[in-house]
Amino acid sequence: MSEEKTEELTRTYVVPLGVVYEAPPYRRAKKAVMAIRDFATRHMKANQVSIDVEVNELIWAKGIKHPPRRITLEMQRDEDGVVKVKLPAAPEKV
């Protein structure tokens, strides 16, 4: 298998998590994390996905039964194909 180097790339996505609510209530937050990982792999052509702690805390904020229906995330791929998923920076208020 050949080593492919890819260019650095940063994108902002709104990830739909409504499909997570088809899972039993006691598995929804876990499914949301898996859905974000799958979304990043598919859209960013990733070899590996690293989810930031702040994203995890936002998903689990209301417990395992009530993750958000959609979430805005910033995904950054480095040259090795590793994607870092984090929350976008908040705009400064004037």
PDB file of N, CA and C in Angstrom:
ATOM      1  N   MET A   1       0.842  -1.173   0.000  1.00  0.00           N
ATOM      2  CA  MET A   1       0.000   0.000   0.000  1.00  0.00           C
ATOM      3  C   MET A   1       0.888   1.238   0.000  1.00  0.00           C
ATOM      4  N   SER A   2       0.613   2.166  -0.852  1.00  0.00           N
ATOM      5  CA  SER A   2       1.457   3.345  -0.977  1.00  0.00           C
ATOM      6  C   SER A   2       1.046   4.409   0.039  1.00  0.00           C
ATOM      7  N   GLU A   3       2.048   5.139   0.520  1.00  0.00           N
ATOM      8  CA  GLU A   3       1.806   6.250   1.442  1.00  0.00           C
ATOM      9  C   GLU A   3       1.358   7.455   0.632  1.00  0.00           C
ATOM     10  N   GLU A   4       0.192   7.970   0.932  1.00  0.00           N
ATOM     11  CA  GLU A   4      -0.295   9.158   0.245  1.00  0.00           C
ATOM     12  C   GLU A   4      -0.236  10.331   1.183  1.00  0.00           C
ATOM     13  N   LYS A   5       0.409  11.384   0.764  1.00  0.00           N
ATOM     14  CA  LYS A   5       0.423  12.629   1.529  1.00  0.00           C
ATOM     15  C   LYS A   5      -0.646  13.531   0.935  1.00  0.00           C
ATOM     16  N   THR A   6      -1.491  14.054   1.791  1.00  0.00           N
ATOM     17  CA  THR A   6      -2.548  14.946   1.339  1.00  0.00           C
ATOM     18  C   THR A   6      -2.257  16.351   1.847  1.00  0.00           C
ATOM     19  N   GLU A   7      -2.879  17.325   1.241  1.00  0.00           N
ATOM     20  CA  GLU A   7      -2.661  18.703   1.660  1.00  0.00           C
ATOM     21  C   GLU A   7      -3.522  19.009   2.882  1.00  0.00           C
ATOM     22  N   GLU A   8      -3.122  20.045   3.608  1.00  0.00           N
ATOM     23  CA  GLU A   8      -3.891  20.472   4.769  1.00  0.00           C
ATOM     24  C   GLU A   8      -5.191  21.113   4.308  1.00  0.00           C
ATOM     25  N   LEU A   9      -6.250  20.875   5.071  1.00  0.00           N
ATOM     26  CA  LEU A   9      -7.570  21.340   4.678  1.00  0.00           C
ATOM     27  C   LEU A   9      -8.388  21.624   5.929  1.00  0.00           C
ATOM     28  N   THR A  10      -9.102  22.755   5.945  1.00  0.00           N
ATOM     29  CA  THR A  10      -9.984  23.098   7.057  1.00  0.00           C
ATOM     30  C   THR A  10     -11.345  23.464   6.497  1.00  0.00           C
ATOM     31  N   ARG A  11     -12.379  22.839   7.060  1.00  0.00           N
ATOM     32  CA  ARG A  11     -13.751  23.105   6.619  1.00  0.00           C
ATOM     33  C   ARG A  11     -14.675  23.158   7.827  1.00  0.00           C
ATOM     34  N   THR A  12     -15.780  23.875   7.667  1.00  0.00           N
ATOM     35  CA  THR A  12     -16.812  23.939   8.699  1.00  0.00           C
ATOM     36  C   THR A  12     -18.053  23.244   8.171  1.00  0.00           C
ATOM     37  N   TYR A  13     -18.584  22.317   8.958  1.00  0.00           N
ATOM     38  CA  TYR A  13     -19.753  21.535   8.568  1.00  0.00           C
ATOM     39  C   TYR A  13     -20.833  21.629   9.647  1.00  0.00           C
ATOM     40  N   VAL A  14     -22.089  21.506   9.216  1.00  0.00           N
ATOM     41  CA  VAL A  14     -23.200  21.291  10.126  1.00  0.00           C
ATOM     42  C   VAL A  14     -23.531  19.807  10.010  1.00  0.00           C
ATOM     43  N   VAL A  15     -23.259  19.069  11.080  1.00  0.00           N
ATOM     44  CA  VAL A  15     -23.420  17.619  11.063  1.00  0.00           C
ATOM     45  C   VAL A  15     -24.816  17.271  11.573  1.00  0.00           C
ATOM     46  N   PRO A  16     -25.656  16.617  10.752  1.00  0.00           N
ATOM     47  CA  PRO A  16     -26.987  16.232  11.212  1.00  0.00           C
ATOM     48  C   PRO A  16     -26.909  14.986  12.092  1.00  0.00           C
ATOM     49  N   LEU A  17     -27.526  15.061  13.260  1.00  0.00           N
ATOM     50  CA  LEU A  17     -27.510  13.933  14.189  1.00  0.00           C
ATOM     51  C   LEU A  17     -28.917  13.417  14.486  1.00  0.00           C
ATOM     52  N   GLY A  18     -29.876  13.762  13.644  1.00  0.00           N
ATOM     53  CA  GLY A  18     -31.245  13.306  13.863  1.00  0.00           C
ATOM     54  C   GLY A  18     -31.390  11.805  13.771  1.00  0.00           C
ATOM     55  N   VAL A  19     -30.549  11.160  12.953  1.00  0.00           N
ATOM     56  CA  VAL A  19     -30.619   9.710  12.797  1.00  0.00           C
ATOM     57  C   VAL A  19     -30.241   9.002  14.098  1.00  0.00           C
ATOM     58  N   VAL A  20     -29.550   9.687  14.979  1.00  0.00           N
ATOM     59  CA  VAL A  20     -29.161   9.121  16.272  1.00  0.00           C
ATOM     60  C   VAL A  20     -30.394   8.801  17.113  1.00  0.00           C
ATOM     61  N   TYR A  21     -31.459   9.557  16.930  1.00  0.00           N
ATOM     62  CA  TYR A  21     -32.666   9.363  17.726  1.00  0.00           C
ATOM     63  C   TYR A  21     -33.431   8.094  17.352  1.00  0.00           C
ATOM     64  N   GLU A  22     -32.993   7.369  16.322  1.00  0.00           N
ATOM     65  CA  GLU A  22     -33.578   6.076  16.013  1.00  0.00           C
ATOM     66  C   GLU A  22     -33.034   4.991  16.939  1.00  0.00           C
ATOM     67  N   ALA A  23     -31.926   5.269  17.603  1.00  0.00           N
ATOM     68  CA  ALA A  23     -31.306   4.319  18.530  1.00  0.00           C
ATOM     69  C   ALA A  23     -32.065   4.350  19.861  1.00  0.00           C
ATOM     70  N   PRO A  24     -31.920   3.305  20.670  1.00  0.00           N
ATOM     71  CA  PRO A  24     -32.528   3.331  22.001  1.00  0.00           C
ATOM     72  C   PRO A  24     -31.974   4.502  22.817  1.00  0.00           C
ATOM     73  N   PRO A  25     -32.764   5.049  23.737  1.00  0.00           N
ATOM     74  CA  PRO A  25     -32.329   6.223  24.495  1.00  0.00           C
ATOM     75  C   PRO A  25     -31.005   6.035  25.236  1.00  0.00           C
ATOM     76  N   TYR A  26     -30.725   4.845  25.696  1.00  0.00           N
ATOM     77  CA  TYR A  26     -29.507   4.621  26.472  1.00  0.00           C
ATOM     78  C   TYR A  26     -28.259   4.476  25.605  1.00  0.00           C
ATOM     79  N   ARG A  27     -28.351   4.697  24.293  1.00  0.00           N
ATOM     80  CA  ARG A  27     -27.200   4.615  23.399  1.00  0.00           C
ATOM     81  C   ARG A  27     -27.012   5.848  22.530  1.00  0.00           C
ATOM     82  N   ARG A  28     -27.832   6.859  22.672  1.00  0.00           N
ATOM     83  CA  ARG A  28     -27.856   7.962  21.716  1.00  0.00           C
ATOM     84  C   ARG A  28     -26.585   8.796  21.689  1.00  0.00           C
ATOM     85  N   ALA A  29     -26.036   9.159  22.819  1.00  0.00           N
ATOM     86  CA  ALA A  29     -24.825   9.983  22.818  1.00  0.00           C
ATOM     87  C   ALA A  29     -23.653   9.208  22.228  1.00  0.00           C
ATOM     88  N   LYS A  30     -23.565   7.920  22.514  1.00  0.00           N
ATOM     89  CA  LYS A  30     -22.509   7.090  21.932  1.00  0.00           C
ATOM     90  C   LYS A  30     -22.666   7.026  20.419  1.00  0.00           C
ATOM     91  N   LYS A  31     -23.903   6.875  19.949  1.00  0.00           N
ATOM     92  CA  LYS A  31     -24.165   6.857  18.510  1.00  0.00           C
ATOM     93  C   LYS A  31     -23.833   8.200  17.866  1.00  0.00           C
ATOM     94  N   ALA A  32     -24.059   9.303  18.593  1.00  0.00           N
ATOM     95  CA  ALA A  32     -23.744  10.629  18.056  1.00  0.00           C
ATOM     96  C   ALA A  32     -22.244  10.767  17.827  1.00  0.00           C
ATOM     97  N   VAL A  33     -21.445  10.272  18.753  1.00  0.00           N
ATOM     98  CA  VAL A  33     -19.992  10.330  18.591  1.00  0.00           C
ATOM     99  C   VAL A  33     -19.575   9.482  17.391  1.00  0.00           C
ATOM    100  N   MET A  34     -20.169   8.306  17.250  1.00  0.00           N
ATOM    101  CA  MET A  34     -19.851   7.446  16.103  1.00  0.00           C
ATOM    102  C   MET A  34     -20.296   8.094  14.798  1.00  0.00           C
ATOM    103  N   ALA A  35     -21.447   8.795  14.805  1.00  0.00           N
ATOM    104  CA  ALA A  35     -21.942   9.462  13.603  1.00  0.00           C
ATOM    105  C   ALA A  35     -21.008  10.600  13.184  1.00  0.00           C
ATOM    106  N   ILE A  36     -20.475  11.346  14.149  1.00  0.00           N
ATOM    107  CA  ILE A  36     -19.525  12.417  13.839  1.00  0.00           C
ATOM    108  C   ILE A  36     -18.247  11.828  13.253  1.00  0.00           C
ATOM    109  N   ARG A  37     -17.783  10.732  13.825  1.00  0.00           N
ATOM    110  CA  ARG A  37     -16.578  10.070  13.330  1.00  0.00           C
ATOM    111  C   ARG A  37     -16.782   9.573  11.894  1.00  0.00           C
ATOM    112  N   ASP A  38     -17.948   8.974  11.610  1.00  0.00           N
ATOM    113  CA  ASP A  38     -18.256   8.500  10.258  1.00  0.00           C
ATOM    114  C   ASP A  38     -18.365   9.664   9.273  1.00  0.00           C
ATOM    115  N   PHE A  39     -19.013  10.754   9.697  1.00  0.00           N
ATOM    116  CA  PHE A  39     -19.174  11.937   8.856  1.00  0.00           C
ATOM    117  C   PHE A  39     -17.807  12.507   8.484  1.00  0.00           C
ATOM    118  N   ALA A  40     -16.925  12.625   9.458  1.00  0.00           N
ATOM    119  CA  ALA A  40     -15.586  13.175   9.205  1.00  0.00           C
ATOM    120  C   ALA A  40     -14.790  12.264   8.278  1.00  0.00           C
ATOM    121  N   THR A  41     -14.901  10.964   8.463  1.00  0.00           N
ATOM    122  CA  THR A  41     -14.194  10.024   7.603  1.00  0.00           C
ATOM    123  C   THR A  41     -14.675  10.132   6.163  1.00  0.00           C
ATOM    124  N   ARG A  42     -15.985  10.239   6.001  1.00  0.00           N
ATOM    125  CA  ARG A  42     -16.564  10.280   4.659  1.00  0.00           C
ATOM    126  C   ARG A  42     -16.286  11.605   3.949  1.00  0.00           C
ATOM    127  N   HIS A  43     -16.462  12.722   4.632  1.00  0.00           N
ATOM    128  CA  HIS A  43     -16.363  14.014   3.975  1.00  0.00           C
ATOM    129  C   HIS A  43     -14.944  14.567   3.881  1.00  0.00           C
ATOM    130  N   MET A  44     -14.074  14.168   4.796  1.00  0.00           N
ATOM    131  CA  MET A  44     -12.706  14.693   4.796  1.00  0.00           C
ATOM    132  C   MET A  44     -11.692  13.670   4.293  1.00  0.00           C
ATOM    133  N   LYS A  45     -12.142  12.494   3.868  1.00  0.00           N
ATOM    134  CA  LYS A  45     -11.255  11.438   3.365  1.00  0.00           C
ATOM    135  C   LYS A  45     -10.147  11.151   4.387  1.00  0.00           C
ATOM    136  N   ALA A  46     -10.560  10.831   5.599  1.00  0.00           N
ATOM    137  CA  ALA A  46      -9.630  10.705   6.715  1.00  0.00           C
ATOM    138  C   ALA A  46      -9.148   9.277   6.909  1.00  0.00           C
ATOM    139  N   ASN A  47      -7.911   9.161   7.382  1.00  0.00           N
ATOM    140  CA  ASN A  47      -7.390   7.876   7.829  1.00  0.00           C
ATOM    141  C   ASN A  47      -7.723   7.658   9.299  1.00  0.00           C
ATOM    142  N   GLN A  48      -7.716   8.746  10.067  1.00  0.00           N
ATOM    143  CA  GLN A  48      -7.949   8.698  11.499  1.00  0.00           C
ATOM    144  C   GLN A  48      -8.679   9.972  11.902  1.00  0.00           C
ATOM    145  N   VAL A  49      -9.593   9.881  12.883  1.00  0.00           N
ATOM    146  CA  VAL A  49     -10.371  11.029  13.328  1.00  0.00           C
ATOM    147  C   VAL A  49     -10.140  11.232  14.821  1.00  0.00           C
ATOM    148  N   SER A  50      -9.825  12.471  15.207  1.00  0.00           N
ATOM    149  CA  SER A  50      -9.619  12.835  16.603  1.00  0.00           C
ATOM    150  C   SER A  50     -10.673  13.872  16.980  1.00  0.00           C
ATOM    151  N   ILE A  51     -11.528  13.532  17.953  1.00  0.00           N
ATOM    152  CA  ILE A  51     -12.605  14.428  18.377  1.00  0.00           C
ATOM    153  C   ILE A  51     -12.155  15.168  19.628  1.00  0.00           C
ATOM    154  N   ASP A  52     -12.301  16.492  19.619  1.00  0.00           N
ATOM    155  CA  ASP A  52     -11.872  17.343  20.722  1.00  0.00           C
ATOM    156  C   ASP A  52     -12.736  17.097  21.954  1.00  0.00           C
ATOM    157  N   VAL A  53     -12.185  17.367  23.116  1.00  0.00           N
ATOM    158  CA  VAL A  53     -12.887  17.172  24.387  1.00  0.00           C
ATOM    159  C   VAL A  53     -14.118  18.079  24.472  1.00  0.00           C
ATOM    160  N   GLU A  54     -14.026  19.310  23.961  1.00  0.00           N
ATOM    161  CA  GLU A  54     -15.156  20.241  24.014  1.00  0.00           C
ATOM    162  C   GLU A  54     -16.346  19.730  23.204  1.00  0.00           C
ATOM    163  N   VAL A  55     -16.082  19.074  22.074  1.00  0.00           N
ATOM    164  CA  VAL A  55     -17.160  18.505  21.258  1.00  0.00           C
ATOM    165  C   VAL A  55     -17.829  17.376  22.040  1.00  0.00           C
ATOM    166  N   ASN A  56     -17.024  16.531  22.670  1.00  0.00           N
ATOM    167  CA  ASN A  56     -17.565  15.426  23.461  1.00  0.00           C
ATOM    168  C   ASN A  56     -18.420  15.942  24.615  1.00  0.00           C
ATOM    169  N   GLU A  57     -17.960  16.982  25.296  1.00  0.00           N
ATOM    170  CA  GLU A  57     -18.720  17.548  26.406  1.00  0.00           C
ATOM    171  C   GLU A  57     -20.030  18.165  25.934  1.00  0.00           C
ATOM    172  N   LEU A  58     -20.034  18.776  24.741  1.00  0.00           N
ATOM    173  CA  LEU A  58     -21.260  19.351  24.191  1.00  0.00           C
ATOM    174  C   LEU A  58     -22.279  18.255  23.869  1.00  0.00           C
ATOM    175  N   ILE A  59     -21.812  17.143  23.332  1.00  0.00           N
ATOM    176  CA  ILE A  59     -22.719  16.033  23.006  1.00  0.00           C
ATOM    177  C   ILE A  59     -23.327  15.444  24.277  1.00  0.00           C
ATOM    178  N   TRP A  60     -22.511  15.299  25.308  1.00  0.00           N
ATOM    179  CA  TRP A  60     -22.954  14.668  26.548  1.00  0.00           C
ATOM    180  C   TRP A  60     -23.554  15.655  27.547  1.00  0.00           C
ATOM    181  N   ALA A  61     -23.695  16.938  27.196  1.00  0.00           N
ATOM    182  CA  ALA A  61     -24.134  17.975  28.135  1.00  0.00           C
ATOM    183  C   ALA A  61     -25.509  17.685  28.743  1.00  0.00           C
ATOM    184  N   LYS A  62     -26.427  17.173  27.964  1.00  0.00           N
ATOM    185  CA  LYS A  62     -27.774  16.893  28.480  1.00  0.00           C
ATOM    186  C   LYS A  62     -27.977  15.405  28.746  1.00  0.00           C
ATOM    187  N   GLY A  63     -26.883  14.666  28.848  1.00  0.00           N
ATOM    188  CA  GLY A  63     -26.974  13.252  29.188  1.00  0.00           C
ATOM    189  C   GLY A  63     -26.937  12.366  27.965  1.00  0.00           C
ATOM    190  N   ILE A  64     -26.988  11.070  28.217  1.00  0.00           N
ATOM    191  CA  ILE A  64     -26.880  10.077  27.147  1.00  0.00           C
ATOM    192  C   ILE A  64     -28.134  10.035  26.288  1.00  0.00           C
ATOM    193  N   LYS A  65     -29.283  10.424  26.836  1.00  0.00           N
ATOM    194  CA  LYS A  65     -30.560  10.282  26.131  1.00  0.00           C
ATOM    195  C   LYS A  65     -30.887  11.436  25.194  1.00  0.00           C
ATOM    196  N   HIS A  66     -30.265  12.609  25.397  1.00  0.00           N
ATOM    197  CA  HIS A  66     -30.667  13.798  24.638  1.00  0.00           C
ATOM    198  C   HIS A  66     -29.491  14.530  24.008  1.00  0.00           C
ATOM    199  N   PRO A  67     -28.798  13.906  23.044  1.00  0.00           N
ATOM    200  CA  PRO A  67     -27.750  14.640  22.337  1.00  0.00           C
ATOM    201  C   PRO A  67     -28.377  15.675  21.398  1.00  0.00           C
ATOM    202  N   PRO A  68     -27.599  16.647  20.915  1.00  0.00           N
ATOM    203  CA  PRO A  68     -28.162  17.649  20.006  1.00  0.00           C
ATOM    204  C   PRO A  68     -28.599  17.033  18.674  1.00  0.00           C
ATOM    205  N   ARG A  69     -29.568  17.656  18.026  1.00  0.00           N
ATOM    206  CA  ARG A  69     -30.065  17.174  16.726  1.00  0.00           C
ATOM    207  C   ARG A  69     -29.098  17.497  15.588  1.00  0.00           C
ATOM    208  N   ARG A  70     -28.363  18.596  15.719  1.00  0.00           N
ATOM    209  CA  ARG A  70     -27.335  18.963  14.740  1.00  0.00           C
ATOM    210  C   ARG A  70     -26.274  19.760  15.469  1.00  0.00           C
ATOM    211  N   ILE A  71     -25.079  19.740  14.919  1.00  0.00           N
ATOM    212  CA  ILE A  71     -23.965  20.411  15.567  1.00  0.00           C
ATOM    213  C   ILE A  71     -23.043  20.985  14.494  1.00  0.00           C
ATOM    214  N   THR A  72     -22.568  22.210  14.708  1.00  0.00           N
ATOM    215  CA  THR A  72     -21.638  22.850  13.786  1.00  0.00           C
ATOM    216  C   THR A  72     -20.220  22.563  14.260  1.00  0.00           C
ATOM    217  N   LEU A  73     -19.416  22.004  13.362  1.00  0.00           N
ATOM    218  CA  LEU A  73     -18.060  21.596  13.711  1.00  0.00           C
ATOM    219  C   LEU A  73     -17.062  22.092  12.680  1.00  0.00           C
ATOM    220  N   GLU A  74     -15.837  22.302  13.136  1.00  0.00           N
ATOM    221  CA  GLU A  74     -14.731  22.645  12.253  1.00  0.00           C
ATOM    222  C   GLU A  74     -13.828  21.422  12.170  1.00  0.00           C
ATOM    223  N   MET A  75     -13.552  20.990  10.949  1.00  0.00           N
ATOM    224  CA  MET A  75     -12.719  19.814  10.736  1.00  0.00           C
ATOM    225  C   MET A  75     -11.452  20.230  10.012  1.00  0.00           C
ATOM    226  N   GLN A  76     -10.332  19.794  10.551  1.00  0.00           N
ATOM    227  CA  GLN A  76      -9.031  20.169  10.007  1.00  0.00           C
ATOM    228  C   GLN A  76      -8.226  18.903   9.739  1.00  0.00           C
ATOM    229  N   ARG A  77      -7.846  18.714   8.477  1.00  0.00           N
ATOM    230  CA  ARG A  77      -7.052  17.541   8.082  1.00  0.00           C
ATOM    231  C   ARG A  77      -5.603  17.969   7.890  1.00  0.00           C
ATOM    232  N   ASP A  78      -4.680  17.208   8.485  1.00  0.00           N
ATOM    233  CA  ASP A  78      -3.265  17.523   8.302  1.00  0.00           C
ATOM    234  C   ASP A  78      -2.692  16.686   7.160  1.00  0.00           C
ATOM    235  N   GLU A  79      -1.408  16.792   6.939  1.00  0.00           N
ATOM    236  CA  GLU A  79      -0.778  16.122   5.799  1.00  0.00           C
ATOM    237  C   GLU A  79      -0.787  14.601   5.904  1.00  0.00           C
ATOM    238  N   ASP A  80      -0.892  14.079   7.126  1.00  0.00           N
ATOM    239  CA  ASP A  80      -0.893  12.625   7.311  1.00  0.00           C
ATOM    240  C   ASP A  80      -2.279  12.001   7.175  1.00  0.00           C
ATOM    241  N   GLY A  81      -3.310  12.815   6.947  1.00  0.00           N
ATOM    242  CA  GLY A  81      -4.661  12.300   6.796  1.00  0.00           C
ATOM    243  C   GLY A  81      -5.414  12.188   8.111  1.00  0.00           C
ATOM    244  N   VAL A  82      -4.882  12.766   9.180  1.00  0.00           N
ATOM    245  CA  VAL A  82      -5.546  12.757  10.482  1.00  0.00           C
ATOM    246  C   VAL A  82      -6.448  13.983  10.567  1.00  0.00           C
ATOM    247  N   VAL A  83      -7.717  13.765  10.897  1.00  0.00           N
ATOM    248  CA  VAL A  83      -8.680  14.853  10.982  1.00  0.00           C
ATOM    249  C   VAL A  83      -8.944  15.179  12.445  1.00  0.00           C
ATOM    250  N   LYS A  84      -8.835  16.460  12.791  1.00  0.00           N
ATOM    251  CA  LYS A  84      -9.149  16.934  14.131  1.00  0.00           C
ATOM    252  C   LYS A  84     -10.488  17.647  14.075  1.00  0.00           C
ATOM    253  N   VAL A  85     -11.434  17.178  14.878  1.00  0.00           N
ATOM    254  CA  VAL A  85     -12.776  17.745  14.917  1.00  0.00           C
ATOM    255  C   VAL A  85     -12.888  18.605  16.165  1.00  0.00           C
ATOM    256  N   LYS A  86     -13.260  19.884  15.978  1.00  0.00           N
ATOM    257  CA  LYS A  86     -13.397  20.784  17.111  1.00  0.00           C
ATOM    258  C   LYS A  86     -14.535  21.759  16.851  1.00  0.00           C
ATOM    259  N   LEU A  87     -14.903  22.502  17.886  1.00  0.00           N
ATOM    260  CA  LEU A  87     -15.932  23.517  17.746  1.00  0.00           C
ATOM    261  C   LEU A  87     -15.344  24.732  17.049  1.00  0.00           C
ATOM    262  N   PRO A  88     -16.122  25.402  16.198  1.00  0.00           N
ATOM    263  CA  PRO A  88     -15.591  26.609  15.532  1.00  0.00           C
ATOM    264  C   PRO A  88     -15.402  27.722  16.550  1.00  0.00           C
ATOM    265  N   ALA A  89     -14.472  28.608  16.267  1.00  0.00           N
ATOM    266  CA  ALA A  89     -14.221  29.737  17.157  1.00  0.00           C
ATOM    267  C   ALA A  89     -15.430  30.663  17.154  1.00  0.00           C
ATOM    268  N   ALA A  90     -15.795  31.127  18.343  1.00  0.00           N
ATOM    269  CA  ALA A  90     -16.936  32.034  18.456  1.00  0.00           C
ATOM    270  C   ALA A  90     -16.564  33.400  17.899  1.00  0.00           C
ATOM    271  N   PRO A  91     -17.447  34.039  17.125  1.00  0.00           N
ATOM    272  CA  PRO A  91     -17.134  35.371  16.609  1.00  0.00           C
ATOM    273  C   PRO A  91     -17.068  36.383  17.750  1.00  0.00           C
ATOM    274  N   GLU A  92     -16.166  37.350  17.609  1.00  0.00           N
ATOM    275  CA  GLU A  92     -16.030  38.377  18.638  1.00  0.00           C
ATOM    276  C   GLU A  92     -17.200  39.342  18.560  1.00  0.00           C
ATOM    277  N   LYS A  93     -17.726  39.692  19.727  1.00  0.00           N
ATOM    278  CA  LYS A  93     -18.820  40.657  19.789  1.00  0.00           C
ATOM    279  C   LYS A  93     -18.239  42.057  19.926  1.00  0.00           C
ATOM    280  N   VAL A  94     -18.805  42.976  19.143  1.00  0.00           N
ATOM    281  CA  VAL A  94     -18.299  44.355  19.157  1.00  0.00           C
ATOM    282  C   VAL A  94     -19.126  45.199  20.093  1.00  0.00           C
TER     283      VAL A  94
END
